[in-house]
C-alpha atoms as a PDB file:
ATOM      1  CA  UNK A   1      -0.213   0.039  -0.064  1.00  0.00           C
ATOM      2  CA  UNK A   2       1.264   3.417  -0.590  1.00  0.00           C
ATOM      3  CA  UNK A   3      -0.354   5.884   1.269  1.00  0.00           C
ATOM      4  CA  UNK A   4      -0.250  10.209   1.704  1.00  0.00           C
ATOM      5  CA  UNK A   5       1.909   9.711   4.282  1.00  0.00           C
ATOM      6  CA  UNK A   6       3.870   8.195   7.303  1.00  0.00           C
ATOM      7  CA  UNK A   7       1.081   8.700   9.774  1.00  0.00           C
ATOM      8  CA  UNK A   8      -1.854   7.073   7.502  1.00  0.00           C
ATOM      9  CA  UNK A   9       0.912   4.037   6.796  1.00  0.00           C
ATOM     10  CA  UNK A  10       1.179   3.469  10.457  1.00  0.00           C
ATOM     11  CA  UNK A  11      -2.323   3.272  10.782  1.00  0.00           C
ATOM     12  CA  UNK A  12      -2.687   0.903   8.176  1.00  0.00           C
ATOM     13  CA  UNK A  13       0.273  -1.264   9.337  1.00  0.00           C
ATOM     14  CA  UNK A  14      -1.478  -1.160  12.384  1.00  0.00           C
ATOM     15  CA  UNK A  15      -4.420  -2.745  11.083  1.00  0.00           C
ATOM     16  CA  UNK A  16      -2.765  -5.204   8.855  1.00  0.00           C
ATOM     17  CA  UNK A  17      -0.983  -6.580  11.873  1.00  0.00           C
ATOM     18  CA  UNK A  18      -4.146  -7.641  13.087  1.00  0.00           C
ATOM     19  CA  UNK A  19      -5.130  -8.893   9.580  1.00  0.00           C
ATOM     20  CA  UNK A  20      -2.381 -11.389   9.952  1.00  0.00           C
ATOM     21  CA  UNK A  21      -3.218 -12.198  13.936  1.00  0.00           C
ATOM     22  CA  UNK A  22      -6.730 -12.604  13.041  1.00  0.00           C
ATOM     23  CA  UNK A  23      -6.263 -14.888  10.219  1.00  0.00           C
ATOM     24  CA  UNK A  24      -3.892 -16.738  12.312  1.00  0.00           C
ATOM     25  CA  UNK A  25      -6.473 -17.581  15.113  1.00  0.00           C
ATOM     26  CA  UNK A  26      -8.802 -18.154  12.188  1.00  0.00           C
ATOM     27  CA  UNK A  27      -6.964 -21.158  10.538  1.00  0.00           C
ATOM     28  CA  UNK A  28      -5.618 -22.747  13.880  1.00  0.00           C
ATOM     29  CA  UNK A  29      -8.417 -25.104  14.121  1.00  0.00           C
ATOM     30  CA  UNK A  30      -9.496 -24.788  10.341  1.00  0.00           C
ATOM     31  CA  UNK A  31      -6.368 -25.176   8.383  1.00  0.00           C
ATOM     32  CA  UNK A  32      -4.008 -25.527  10.454  1.00  0.00           C
ATOM     33  CA  UNK A  33      -1.219 -26.407   8.210  1.00  0.00           C
ATOM     34  CA  UNK A  34      -1.772 -22.487   6.853  1.00  0.00           C
ATOM     35  CA  UNK A  35      -0.699 -20.878  10.109  1.00  0.00           C
ATOM     36  CA  UNK A  36       3.086 -21.568   9.610  1.00  0.00           C
ATOM     37  CA  UNK A  37       2.814 -18.946   6.822  1.00  0.00           C
ATOM     38  CA  UNK A  38       1.288 -16.349   8.972  1.00  0.00           C
ATOM     39  CA  UNK A  39       3.956 -17.122  11.496  1.00  0.00           C
ATOM     40  CA  UNK A  40       6.503 -15.681   8.931  1.00  0.00           C
ATOM     41  CA  UNK A  41       4.219 -13.051   7.464  1.00  0.00           C
ATOM     42  CA  UNK A  42       6.417  -9.900   6.466  1.00  0.00           C
ATOM     43  CA  UNK A  43       4.576  -6.520   7.893  1.00  0.00           C
ATOM     44  CA  UNK A  44       6.834  -3.291   7.409  1.00  0.00           C
ATOM     45  CA  UNK A  45       6.333   0.159   6.735  1.00  0.00           C
ATOM     46  CA  UNK A  46       8.807   2.139   4.949  1.00  0.00           C
ATOM     47  CA  UNK A  47       8.051   6.037   5.033  1.00  0.00           C
ATOM     48  CA  UNK A  48       4.535   6.128   3.961  1.00  0.00           C
ATOM     49  CA  UNK A  49       4.600   2.383   1.998  1.00  0.00           C
ATOM     50  CA  UNK A  50       3.090  -1.036   3.777  1.00  0.00           C
ATOM     51  CA  UNK A  51       4.125  -3.854   2.951  1.00  0.00           C
ATOM     52  CA  UNK A  52       2.453  -7.396   3.660  1.00  0.00           C
ATOM     53  CA  UNK A  53       3.596 -10.585   2.391  1.00  0.00           C
ATOM     54  CA  UNK A  54       2.936 -14.102   3.179  1.00  0.00           C
ATOM     55  CA  UNK A  55       5.392 -16.065   1.333  1.00  0.00           C
ATOM     56  CA  UNK A  56       5.790 -19.744   1.405  1.00  0.00           C
ATOM     57  CA  UNK A  57       9.887 -19.188   1.680  1.00  0.00           C
ATOM     58  CA  UNK A  58      10.467 -16.412   4.624  1.00  0.00           C
ATOM     59  CA  UNK A  59      13.745 -16.616   4.133  1.00  0.00           C
ATOM     60  CA  UNK A  60      14.210 -16.155   0.107  1.00  0.00           C
ATOM     61  CA  UNK A  61      11.628 -13.226   0.428  1.00  0.00           C
ATOM     62  CA  UNK A  62      13.488 -11.801   2.875  1.00  0.00           C
ATOM     63  CA  UNK A  63      16.630 -11.396   1.071  1.00  0.00           C
ATOM     64  CA  UNK A  64      14.702  -9.863  -1.454  1.00  0.00           C
ATOM     65  CA  UNK A  65      13.408  -7.134   0.168  1.00  0.00           C
ATOM     66  CA  UNK A  66      17.027  -6.311   1.805  1.00  0.00           C
ATOM     67  CA  UNK A  67      18.039  -6.151  -1.538  1.00  0.00           C
ATOM     68  CA  UNK A  68      15.633  -3.370  -2.255  1.00  0.00           C
ATOM     69  CA  UNK A  69      17.004  -1.467   0.940  1.00  0.00           C
END
């Protein structure tokens, strides 16, 4: 997400973090195999942008993101 400013991005960041937690709770009993992906979810803010990534390979995703910095 690209927002108008960092304050708006912080609001979205909080909402996405809550979304991941909500999904984790919802899937715990319904699709327990998917919870591991949410445990490795990447939710991060860079300036006025926010990223939510639920990768199959968290290490590769983190490496790719770090290369963008």
